[in-house]
Amino acid sequence: EQNSDFKLADINEFLPEKIRSEAPYLQLYPHIHHIDGFFICKFVR
């Protein structure tokens, strides 16, 4: 909202197929993915 010179990039191409989703970002949960809970997103200028 505050930075019109950036756009959100879809990161699924950089992820293993089994954790790709329709969302352009990644939210991991320990009970679902069996690794640490993490959030990752990517912007491009």
All heavy atoms as atom14 arrays in JSON, in Angstrom:
{
  "sequence": "EQNSDFKLADINEFLPEKIRSEAPYLQLYPHIHHIDGFFICKFVR",
  "atom14_mask": [
    [1, 1, 1, 1, 1, 1, 1, 1, 1, 0, 0, 0, 0, 0],
    [1, 1, 1, 1, 1, 1, 1, 1, 1, 0, 0, 0, 0, 0],
    [1, 1, 1, 1, 1, 1, 1, 1, 0, 0, 0, 0, 0, 0],
    [1, 1, 1, 1, 1, 1, 0, 0, 0, 0, 0, 0, 0, 0],
    [1, 1, 1, 1, 1, 1, 1, 1, 0, 0, 0, 0, 0, 0],
    [1, 1, 1, 1, 1, 1, 1, 1, 1, 1, 1, 0, 0, 0],
    [1, 1, 1, 1, 1, 1, 1, 1, 1, 0, 0, 0, 0, 0],
    [1, 1, 1, 1, 1, 1, 1, 1, 0, 0, 0, 0, 0, 0],
    [1, 1, 1, 1, 1, 0, 0, 0, 0, 0, 0, 0, 0, 0],
    [1, 1, 1, 1, 1, 1, 1, 1, 0, 0, 0, 0, 0, 0],
    [1, 1, 1, 1, 1, 1, 1, 1, 0, 0, 0, 0, 0, 0],
    [1, 1, 1, 1, 1, 1, 1, 1, 0, 0, 0, 0, 0, 0],
    [1, 1, 1, 1, 1, 1, 1, 1, 1, 0, 0, 0, 0, 0],
    [1, 1, 1, 1, 1, 1, 1, 1, 1, 1, 1, 0, 0, 0],
    [1, 1, 1, 1, 1, 1, 1, 1, 0, 0, 0, 0, 0, 0],
    [1, 1, 1, 1, 1, 1, 1, 0, 0, 0, 0, 0, 0, 0],
    [1, 1, 1, 1, 1, 1, 1, 1, 1, 0, 0, 0, 0, 0],
    [1, 1, 1, 1, 1, 1, 1, 1, 1, 0, 0, 0, 0, 0],
    [1, 1, 1, 1, 1, 1, 1, 1, 0, 0, 0, 0, 0, 0],
    [1, 1, 1, 1, 1, 1, 1, 1, 1, 1, 1, 0, 0, 0],
    [1, 1, 1, 1, 1, 1, 0, 0, 0, 0, 0, 0, 0, 0],
    [1, 1, 1, 1, 1, 1, 1, 1, 1, 0, 0, 0, 0, 0],
    [1, 1, 1, 1, 1, 0, 0, 0, 0, 0, 0, 0, 0, 0],
    [1, 1, 1, 1, 1, 1, 1, 0, 0, 0, 0, 0, 0, 0],
    [1, 1, 1, 1, 1, 1, 1, 1, 1, 1, 1, 1, 0, 0],
    [1, 1, 1, 1, 1, 1, 1, 1, 0, 0, 0, 0, 0, 0],
    [1, 1, 1, 1, 1, 1, 1, 1, 1, 0, 0, 0, 0, 0],
    [1, 1, 1, 1, 1, 1, 1, 1, 0, 0, 0, 0, 0, 0],
    [1, 1, 1, 1, 1, 1, 1, 1, 1, 1, 1, 1, 0, 0],
    [1, 1, 1, 1, 1, 1, 1, 0, 0, 0, 0, 0, 0, 0],
    [1, 1, 1, 1, 1, 1, 1, 1, 1, 1, 0, 0, 0, 0],
    [1, 1, 1, 1, 1, 1, 1, 1, 0, 0, 0, 0, 0, 0],
    [1, 1, 1, 1, 1, 1, 1, 1, 1, 1, 0, 0, 0, 0],
    [1, 1, 1, 1, 1, 1, 1, 1, 1, 1, 0, 0, 0, 0],
    [1, 1, 1, 1, 1, 1, 1, 1, 0, 0, 0, 0, 0, 0],
    [1, 1, 1, 1, 1, 1, 1, 1, 0, 0, 0, 0, 0, 0],
    [1, 1, 1, 1, 0, 0, 0, 0, 0, 0, 0, 0, 0, 0],
    [1, 1, 1, 1, 1, 1, 1, 1, 1, 1, 1, 0, 0, 0],
    [1, 1, 1, 1, 1, 1, 1, 1, 1, 1, 1, 0, 0, 0],
    [1, 1, 1, 1, 1, 1, 1, 1, 0, 0, 0, 0, 0, 0],
    [1, 1, 1, 1, 1, 1, 0, 0, 0, 0, 0, 0, 0, 0],
    [1, 1, 1, 1, 1, 1, 1, 1, 1, 0, 0, 0, 0, 0],
    [1, 1, 1, 1, 1, 1, 1, 1, 1, 1, 1, 0, 0, 0],
    [1, 1, 1, 1, 1, 1, 1, 0, 0, 0, 0, 0, 0, 0],
    [1, 1, 1, 1, 1, 1, 1, 1, 1, 1, 1, 0, 0, 0]
  ],
  "atom14_positions": [
    [[0.83, -1.21, 0.0], [0.0, 0.0, 0.0], [0.86, 1.26, 0.0], [0.52, 2.27, -0.62], [-0.91, 0.02, 1.24], [-2.05, -0.99, 1.2], [-2.78, -1.06, 2.53], [-2.49, -0.23, 3.42], [-3.65, -1.95, 2.69], [0.0, 0.0, 0.0], [0.0, 0.0, 0.0], [0.0, 0.0, 0.0], [0.0, 0.0, 0.0], [0.0, 0.0, 0.0]],
    [[2.0, 1.18, 0.67], [2.85, 2.37, 0.86], [3.97, 2.49, -0.17], [4.66, 3.51, -0.2], [3.47, 2.33, 2.27], [2.44, 2.38, 3.39], [3.07, 2.14, 4.76], [4.3, 2.12, 4.9], [2.24, 1.97, 5.79], [0.0, 0.0, 0.0], [0.0, 0.0, 0.0], [0.0, 0.0, 0.0], [0.0, 0.0, 0.0], [0.0, 0.0, 0.0]],
    [[4.15, 1.46, -1.01], [5.28, 1.46, -1.95], [4.81, 1.03, -3.34], [4.91, -0.15, -3.71], [6.39, 0.53, -1.45], [7.01, 1.01, -0.15], [7.96, 1.78, -0.15], [6.45, 0.55, 0.96], [0.0, 0.0, 0.0], [0.0, 0.0, 0.0], [0.0, 0.0, 0.0], [0.0, 0.0, 0.0], [0.0, 0.0, 0.0], [0.0, 0.0, 0.0]],
    [[4.33, 2.0, -4.11], [3.79, 1.7, -5.44], [4.87, 1.31, -6.44], [4.57, 0.84, -7.54], [3.01, 2.91, -5.96], [3.85, 4.06, -6.02], [0.0, 0.0, 0.0], [0.0, 0.0, 0.0], [0.0, 0.0, 0.0], [0.0, 0.0, 0.0], [0.0, 0.0, 0.0], [0.0, 0.0, 0.0], [0.0, 0.0, 0.0], [0.0, 0.0, 0.0]],
    [[6.13, 1.51, -6.07], [7.23, 1.15, -6.98], [7.66, -0.31, -6.81], [8.67, -0.73, -7.39], [8.42, 2.08, -6.79], [8.93, 2.13, -5.36], [8.13, 1.83, -4.44], [10.1, 2.48, -5.14], [0.0, 0.0, 0.0], [0.0, 0.0, 0.0], [0.0, 0.0, 0.0], [0.0, 0.0, 0.0], [0.0, 0.0, 0.0], [0.0, 0.0, 0.0]],
    [[6.91, -1.08, -6.01], [7.18, -2.51, -5.85], [5.92, -3.32, -6.16], [4.8, -2.86, -5.9], [7.63, -2.83, -4.42], [9.09, -2.56, -4.16], [9.5, -1.29, -3.8], [10.03, -3.56, -4.29], [10.84, -1.01, -3.56], [11.37, -3.3, -4.06], [11.78, -2.03, -3.69], [0.0, 0.0, 0.0], [0.0, 0.0, 0.0], [0.0, 0.0, 0.0]],
    [[6.11, -4.49, -6.71], [4.99, -5.42, -6.93], [5.31, -6.75, -6.25], [6.49, -7.1, -6.06], [4.74, -5.62, -8.42], [5.87, -6.34, -9.15], [5.53, -6.55, -10.62], [6.66, -7.3, -11.35], [6.34, -7.53, -12.76], [0.0, 0.0, 0.0], [0.0, 0.0, 0.0], [0.0, 0.0, 0.0], [0.0, 0.0, 0.0], [0.0, 0.0, 0.0]],
    [[4.28, -7.47, -5.88], [4.45, -8.78, -5.24], [4.74, -9.82, -6.32], [4.02, -9.93, -7.31], [3.19, -9.16, -4.47], [3.26, -10.42, -3.61], [4.25, -10.23, -2.46], [1.87, -10.77, -3.05], [0.0, 0.0, 0.0], [0.0, 0.0, 0.0], [0.0, 0.0, 0.0], [0.0, 0.0, 0.0], [0.0, 0.0, 0.0], [0.0, 0.0, 0.0]],
    [[5.79, -10.6, -6.12], [6.16, -11.65, -7.07], [5.6, -12.99, -6.59], [5.45, -13.22, -5.39], [7.67, -11.73, -7.21], [0.0, 0.0, 0.0], [0.0, 0.0, 0.0], [0.0, 0.0, 0.0], [0.0, 0.0, 0.0], [0.0, 0.0, 0.0], [0.0, 0.0, 0.0], [0.0, 0.0, 0.0], [0.0, 0.0, 0.0], [0.0, 0.0, 0.0]],
    [[5.28, -13.85, -7.53], [4.83, -15.2, -7.2], [6.07, -16.07, -6.97], [6.91, -16.24, -7.85], [4.01, -15.77, -8.35], [3.32, -17.09, -7.98], [3.83, -17.82, -7.08], [2.27, -17.4, -8.57], [0.0, 0.0, 0.0], [0.0, 0.0, 0.0], [0.0, 0.0, 0.0], [0.0, 0.0, 0.0], [0.0, 0.0, 0.0], [0.0, 0.0, 0.0]],
    [[6.2, -16.62, -5.75], [7.42, -17.37, -5.41], [7.3, -18.87, -5.65], [8.25, -19.62, -5.4], [7.83, -17.14, -3.94], [6.79, -17.73, -2.98], [8.04, -15.65, -3.68], [7.23, -17.7, -1.53], [0.0, 0.0, 0.0], [0.0, 0.0, 0.0], [0.0, 0.0, 0.0], [0.0, 0.0, 0.0], [0.0, 0.0, 0.0], [0.0, 0.0, 0.0]],
    [[6.16, -19.33, -6.17], [5.96, -20.77, -6.3], [6.98, -21.45, -7.19], [7.33, -22.62, -6.97], [4.54, -21.04, -6.81], [3.5, -20.93, -5.71], [3.41, -21.79, -4.85], [2.75, -19.84, -5.71], [0.0, 0.0, 0.0], [0.0, 0.0, 0.0], [0.0, 0.0, 0.0], [0.0, 0.0, 0.0], [0.0, 0.0, 0.0], [0.0, 0.0, 0.0]],
    [[7.51, -20.74, -8.18], [8.5, -21.35, -9.07], [9.79, -21.7, -8.34], [10.57, -22.54, -8.81], [8.81, -20.41, -10.24], [9.47, -19.1, -9.83], [9.87, -18.25, -11.03], [10.74, -18.69, -11.81], [9.29, -17.16, -11.18], [0.0, 0.0, 0.0], [0.0, 0.0, 0.0], [0.0, 0.0, 0.0], [0.0, 0.0, 0.0], [0.0, 0.0, 0.0]],
    [[10.02, -21.07, -7.19], [11.24, -21.34, -6.42], [11.02, -22.39, -5.33], [11.96, -22.71, -4.59], [11.74, -20.05, -5.77], [11.97, -18.93, -6.74], [11.07, -17.87, -6.82], [13.06, -18.95, -7.61], [11.27, -16.84, -7.72], [13.26, -17.92, -8.52], [12.36, -16.87, -8.58], [0.0, 0.0, 0.0], [0.0, 0.0, 0.0], [0.0, 0.0, 0.0]],
    [[9.8, -22.91, -5.23], [9.45, -23.84, -4.16], [9.31, -25.27, -4.68], [8.94, -25.48, -5.85], [8.12, -23.43, -3.51], [8.05, -22.01, -2.92], [6.63, -21.74, -2.43], [9.05, -21.86, -1.79], [0.0, 0.0, 0.0], [0.0, 0.0, 0.0], [0.0, 0.0, 0.0], [0.0, 0.0, 0.0], [0.0, 0.0, 0.0], [0.0, 0.0, 0.0]],
    [[9.57, -26.26, -3.83], [9.28, -27.65, -4.2], [7.79, -27.8, -4.51], [6.95, -27.14, -3.88], [9.66, -28.44, -2.94], [10.57, -27.54, -2.18], [10.13, -26.15, -2.47], [0.0, 0.0, 0.0], [0.0, 0.0, 0.0], [0.0, 0.0, 0.0], [0.0, 0.0, 0.0], [0.0, 0.0, 0.0], [0.0, 0.0, 0.0], [0.0, 0.0, 0.0]],
    [[7.47, -28.66, -5.43], [6.08, -28.78, -5.9], [5.11, -29.09, -4.77], [3.98, -28.58, -4.75], [6.0, -29.87, -6.98], [4.67, -29.89, -7.69], [4.68, -30.8, -8.91], [5.77, -31.15, -9.39], [3.58, -31.16, -9.37], [0.0, 0.0, 0.0], [0.0, 0.0, 0.0], [0.0, 0.0, 0.0], [0.0, 0.0, 0.0], [0.0, 0.0, 0.0]],
    [[5.52, -29.88, -3.78], [4.57, -30.31, -2.76], [4.21, -29.23, -1.75], [3.31, -29.44, -0.94], [5.1, -31.55, -2.02], [6.48, -31.47, -1.46], [6.88, -32.85, -0.91], [8.34, -32.89, -0.51], [8.75, -34.22, -0.02], [0.0, 0.0, 0.0], [0.0, 0.0, 0.0], [0.0, 0.0, 0.0], [0.0, 0.0, 0.0], [0.0, 0.0, 0.0]],
    [[4.88, -28.07, -1.79], [4.44, -26.99, -0.91], [4.03, -25.74, -1.7], [3.87, -24.66, -1.13], [5.51, -26.6, 0.14], [6.86, -26.27, -0.5], [5.65, -27.68, 1.19], [7.88, -25.75, 0.49], [0.0, 0.0, 0.0], [0.0, 0.0, 0.0], [0.0, 0.0, 0.0], [0.0, 0.0, 0.0], [0.0, 0.0, 0.0], [0.0, 0.0, 0.0]],
    [[3.83, -25.89, -3.0], [3.3, -24.78, -3.79], [1.8, -24.62, -3.51], [1.12, -25.56, -3.11], [3.53, -25.02, -5.28], [5.0, -24.98, -5.67], [5.19, -25.33, -7.14], [6.61, -25.36, -7.48], [7.08, -25.75, -8.66], [6.23, -26.13, -9.61], [8.38, -25.76, -8.88], [0.0, 0.0, 0.0], [0.0, 0.0, 0.0], [0.0, 0.0, 0.0]],
    [[1.31, -23.41, -3.72], [-0.1, -23.15, -3.48], [-0.6, -22.08, -4.44], [0.17, -21.55, -5.26], [-0.32, -22.68, -2.04], [0.23, -21.39, -1.84], [0.0, 0.0, 0.0], [0.0, 0.0, 0.0], [0.0, 0.0, 0.0], [0.0, 0.0, 0.0], [0.0, 0.0, 0.0], [0.0, 0.0, 0.0], [0.0, 0.0, 0.0], [0.0, 0.0, 0.0]],
    [[-1.88, -21.73, -4.33], [-2.43, -20.67, -5.18], [-1.97, -19.3, -4.73], [-2.01, -18.34, -5.51], [-3.97, -20.75, -5.16], [-4.52, -22.02, -5.81], [-6.03, -22.06, -5.8], [-6.65, -21.07, -5.32], [-6.6, -23.05, -6.26], [0.0, 0.0, 0.0], [0.0, 0.0, 0.0], [0.0, 0.0, 0.0], [0.0, 0.0, 0.0], [0.0, 0.0, 0.0]],
    [[-1.54, -19.18, -3.47], [-1.05, -17.9, -2.96], [0.34, -17.61, -3.53], [1.14, -18.54, -3.72], [-1.0, -17.92, -1.45], [0.0, 0.0, 0.0], [0.0, 0.0, 0.0], [0.0, 0.0, 0.0], [0.0, 0.0, 0.0], [0.0, 0.0, 0.0], [0.0, 0.0, 0.0], [0.0, 0.0, 0.0], [0.0, 0.0, 0.0], [0.0, 0.0, 0.0]],
    [[0.67, -16.35, -3.8], [1.99, -16.01, -4.33], [3.09, -16.04, -3.27], [4.27, -15.96, -3.59], [1.81, -14.6, -4.89], [0.69, -14.03, -4.07], [-0.23, -15.18, -3.75], [0.0, 0.0, 0.0], [0.0, 0.0, 0.0], [0.0, 0.0, 0.0], [0.0, 0.0, 0.0], [0.0, 0.0, 0.0], [0.0, 0.0, 0.0], [0.0, 0.0, 0.0]],
    [[2.7, -16.14, -1.99], [3.65, -16.19, -0.87], [3.57, -17.57, -0.23], [2.77, -18.43, -0.63], [3.32, -15.09, 0.15], [1.88, -15.11, 0.61], [1.43, -15.97, 1.62], [0.93, -14.27, 0.01], [0.11, -16.01, 2.02], [-0.4, -14.29, 0.4], [-0.8, -15.16, 1.4], [-2.12, -15.2, 1.79], [0.0, 0.0, 0.0], [0.0, 0.0, 0.0]],
    [[4.39, -17.79, 0.8], [4.41, -19.1, 1.47], [4.24, -18.92, 2.98], [4.96, -18.15, 3.61], [5.75, -19.8, 1.2], [5.96, -21.16, 1.89], [4.96, -22.19, 1.38], [7.38, -21.66, 1.68], [0.0, 0.0, 0.0], [0.0, 0.0, 0.0], [0.0, 0.0, 0.0], [0.0, 0.0, 0.0], [0.0, 0.0, 0.0], [0.0, 0.0, 0.0]],
    [[3.28, -19.65, 3.55], [3.11, -19.72, 5.0], [3.25, -21.18, 5.42], [2.5, -22.03, 4.95], [1.75, -19.18, 5.44], [1.49, -19.28, 6.94], [2.42, -18.39, 7.76], [2.29, -17.17, 7.75], [3.35, -19.0, 8.48], [0.0, 0.0, 0.0], [0.0, 0.0, 0.0], [0.0, 0.0, 0.0], [0.0, 0.0, 0.0], [0.0, 0.0, 0.0]],
    [[4.23, -21.45, 6.25], [4.5, -22.81, 6.71], [4.03, -22.97, 8.16], [4.14, -22.06, 8.97], [6.0, -23.1, 6.63], [6.62, -23.06, 5.24], [8.13, -22.97, 5.33], [6.21, -24.29, 4.43], [0.0, 0.0, 0.0], [0.0, 0.0, 0.0], [0.0, 0.0, 0.0], [0.0, 0.0, 0.0], [0.0, 0.0, 0.0], [0.0, 0.0, 0.0]],
    [[3.52, -24.18, 8.47], [3.08, -24.51, 9.82], [3.74, -25.82, 10.26], [3.81, -26.77, 9.46], [1.56, -24.67, 9.88], [0.79, -23.43, 9.53], [0.29, -23.25, 8.24], [0.57, -22.43, 10.47], [-0.43, -22.11, 7.9], [-0.15, -21.28, 10.14], [-0.65, -21.13, 8.85], [-1.34, -20.0, 8.53], [0.0, 0.0, 0.0], [0.0, 0.0, 0.0]],
    [[4.21, -25.89, 11.5], [4.93, -27.1, 11.94], [4.1, -28.38, 11.89], [4.65, -29.44, 11.6], [5.35, -26.75, 13.37], [4.53, -25.58, 13.78], [4.2, -24.84, 12.53], [0.0, 0.0, 0.0], [0.0, 0.0, 0.0], [0.0, 0.0, 0.0], [0.0, 0.0, 0.0], [0.0, 0.0, 0.0], [0.0, 0.0, 0.0], [0.0, 0.0, 0.0]],
    [[2.79, -28.3, 12.15], [1.98, -29.52, 12.17], [1.55, -29.97, 10.78], [1.14, -31.12, 10.6], [0.74, -29.34, 13.05], [-0.24, -28.33, 12.54], [0.07, -27.02, 12.41], [-1.53, -28.46, 12.12], [-0.98, -26.35, 11.96], [-1.96, -27.21, 11.76], [0.0, 0.0, 0.0], [0.0, 0.0, 0.0], [0.0, 0.0, 0.0], [0.0, 0.0, 0.0]],
    [[1.65, -29.08, 9.8], [1.28, -29.42, 8.42], [2.5, -29.79, 7.59], [2.51, -30.8, 6.89], [0.53, -28.24, 7.76], [-0.81, -28.0, 8.46], [0.32, -28.5, 6.26], [-1.57, -26.79, 7.95], [0.0, 0.0, 0.0], [0.0, 0.0, 0.0], [0.0, 0.0, 0.0], [0.0, 0.0, 0.0], [0.0, 0.0, 0.0], [0.0, 0.0, 0.0]],
    [[3.53, -28.96, 7.7], [4.71, -29.15, 6.85], [5.87, -29.84, 7.55], [6.86, -30.2, 6.92], [5.17, -27.78, 6.32], [4.1, -27.04, 5.58], [3.33, -26.05, 6.17], [3.64, -27.17, 4.31], [2.47, -25.58, 5.28], [2.62, -26.25, 4.16], [0.0, 0.0, 0.0], [0.0, 0.0, 0.0], [0.0, 0.0, 0.0], [0.0, 0.0, 0.0]],
    [[5.77, -30.0, 8.88], [6.76, -30.73, 9.69], [8.15, -30.07, 9.65], [9.17, -30.76, 9.79], [6.83, -32.2, 9.25], [5.48, -32.85, 9.2], [4.75, -33.1, 10.35], [4.72, -33.25, 8.15], [3.59, -33.65, 10.0], [3.54, -33.75, 8.69], [0.0, 0.0, 0.0], [0.0, 0.0, 0.0], [0.0, 0.0, 0.0], [0.0, 0.0, 0.0]],
    [[8.16, -28.77, 9.44], [9.37, -27.96, 9.59], [8.94, -26.7, 10.35], [7.78, -26.57, 10.73], [10.02, -27.61, 8.23], [9.01, -26.96, 7.27], [10.61, -28.86, 7.59], [9.6, -26.56, 5.92], [0.0, 0.0, 0.0], [0.0, 0.0, 0.0], [0.0, 0.0, 0.0], [0.0, 0.0, 0.0], [0.0, 0.0, 0.0], [0.0, 0.0, 0.0]],
    [[9.87, -25.78, 10.58], [9.53, -24.59, 11.35], [8.42, -23.77, 10.68], [8.32, -23.72, 9.45], [10.76, -23.69, 11.49], [11.78, -24.25, 12.47], [11.43, -25.2, 13.22], [12.91, -23.74, 12.51], [0.0, 0.0, 0.0], [0.0, 0.0, 0.0], [0.0, 0.0, 0.0], [0.0, 0.0, 0.0], [0.0, 0.0, 0.0], [0.0, 0.0, 0.0]],
    [[7.6, -23.12, 11.51], [6.6, -22.2, 11.0], [7.3, -20.96, 10.46], [8.04, -20.3, 11.19], [0.0, 0.0, 0.0], [0.0, 0.0, 0.0], [0.0, 0.0, 0.0], [0.0, 0.0, 0.0], [0.0, 0.0, 0.0], [0.0, 0.0, 0.0], [0.0, 0.0, 0.0], [0.0, 0.0, 0.0], [0.0, 0.0, 0.0], [0.0, 0.0, 0.0]],
    [[7.07, -20.63, 9.2], [7.77, -19.53, 8.54], [6.84, -18.83, 7.56], [5.89, -19.44, 7.05], [8.99, -20.06, 7.77], [10.32, -19.61, 8.29], [10.85, -20.2, 9.44], [11.06, -18.63, 7.66], [12.09, -19.81, 9.93], [12.3, -18.23, 8.13], [12.81, -18.81, 9.27], [0.0, 0.0, 0.0], [0.0, 0.0, 0.0], [0.0, 0.0, 0.0]],
    [[7.16, -17.57, 7.29], [6.47, -16.83, 6.23], [7.52, -16.27, 5.29], [8.55, -15.73, 5.73], [5.64, -15.69, 6.81], [4.99, -14.82, 5.76], [3.81, -15.24, 5.15], [5.55, -13.62, 5.36], [3.21, -14.46, 4.16], [4.95, -12.84, 4.38], [3.77, -13.25, 3.79], [0.0, 0.0, 0.0], [0.0, 0.0, 0.0], [0.0, 0.0, 0.0]],
    [[7.27, -16.38, 3.98], [8.21, -15.86, 2.97], [7.42, -15.2, 1.84], [6.48, -15.8, 1.3], [9.08, -16.98, 2.36], [9.71, -17.85, 3.47], [10.18, -16.39, 1.48], [10.36, -19.11, 2.93], [0.0, 0.0, 0.0], [0.0, 0.0, 0.0], [0.0, 0.0, 0.0], [0.0, 0.0, 0.0], [0.0, 0.0, 0.0], [0.0, 0.0, 0.0]],
    [[7.79, -13.98, 1.5], [7.22, -13.35, 0.3], [8.32, -12.56, -0.41], [9.38, -12.29, 0.17], [6.02, -12.46, 0.63], [6.42, -10.95, 1.54], [0.0, 0.0, 0.0], [0.0, 0.0, 0.0], [0.0, 0.0, 0.0], [0.0, 0.0, 0.0], [0.0, 0.0, 0.0], [0.0, 0.0, 0.0], [0.0, 0.0, 0.0], [0.0, 0.0, 0.0]],
    [[8.04, -12.17, -1.65], [9.07, -11.53, -2.47], [8.47, -10.37, -3.24], [7.38, -10.49, -3.83], [9.67, -12.56, -3.44], [10.84, -12.08, -4.28], [11.4, -13.26, -5.08], [12.68, -12.9, -5.81], [13.26, -14.08, -6.49], [0.0, 0.0, 0.0], [0.0, 0.0, 0.0], [0.0, 0.0, 0.0], [0.0, 0.0, 0.0], [0.0, 0.0, 0.0]],
    [[9.17, -9.27, -3.24], [8.77, -8.08, -4.0], [9.83, -7.8, -5.09], [11.01, -8.08, -4.89], [8.67, -6.85, -3.09], [7.85, -7.06, -1.85], [8.47, -7.39, -0.64], [6.47, -6.94, -1.88], [7.73, -7.58, 0.51], [5.71, -7.12, -0.73], [6.33, -7.45, 0.47], [0.0, 0.0, 0.0], [0.0, 0.0, 0.0], [0.0, 0.0, 0.0]],
    [[9.36, -7.21, -6.18], [10.27, -6.79, -7.25], [10.08, -5.3, -7.49], [8.94, -4.82, -7.56], [10.02, -7.58, -8.54], [10.87, -7.02, -9.69], [10.28, -9.05, -8.34], [0.0, 0.0, 0.0], [0.0, 0.0, 0.0], [0.0, 0.0, 0.0], [0.0, 0.0, 0.0], [0.0, 0.0, 0.0], [0.0, 0.0, 0.0], [0.0, 0.0, 0.0]],
    [[11.19, -4.58, -7.59], [11.12, -3.14, -7.85], [10.76, -2.89, -9.32], [11.42, -3.42, -10.22], [12.44, -2.46, -7.51], [12.35, -0.95, -7.58], [13.46, -0.27, -6.83], [13.04, 1.04, -6.4], [13.66, 1.75, -5.47], [14.72, 1.26, -4.86], [13.23, 2.94, -5.13], [0.0, 0.0, 0.0], [0.0, 0.0, 0.0], [0.0, 0.0, 0.0]]
  ]
}
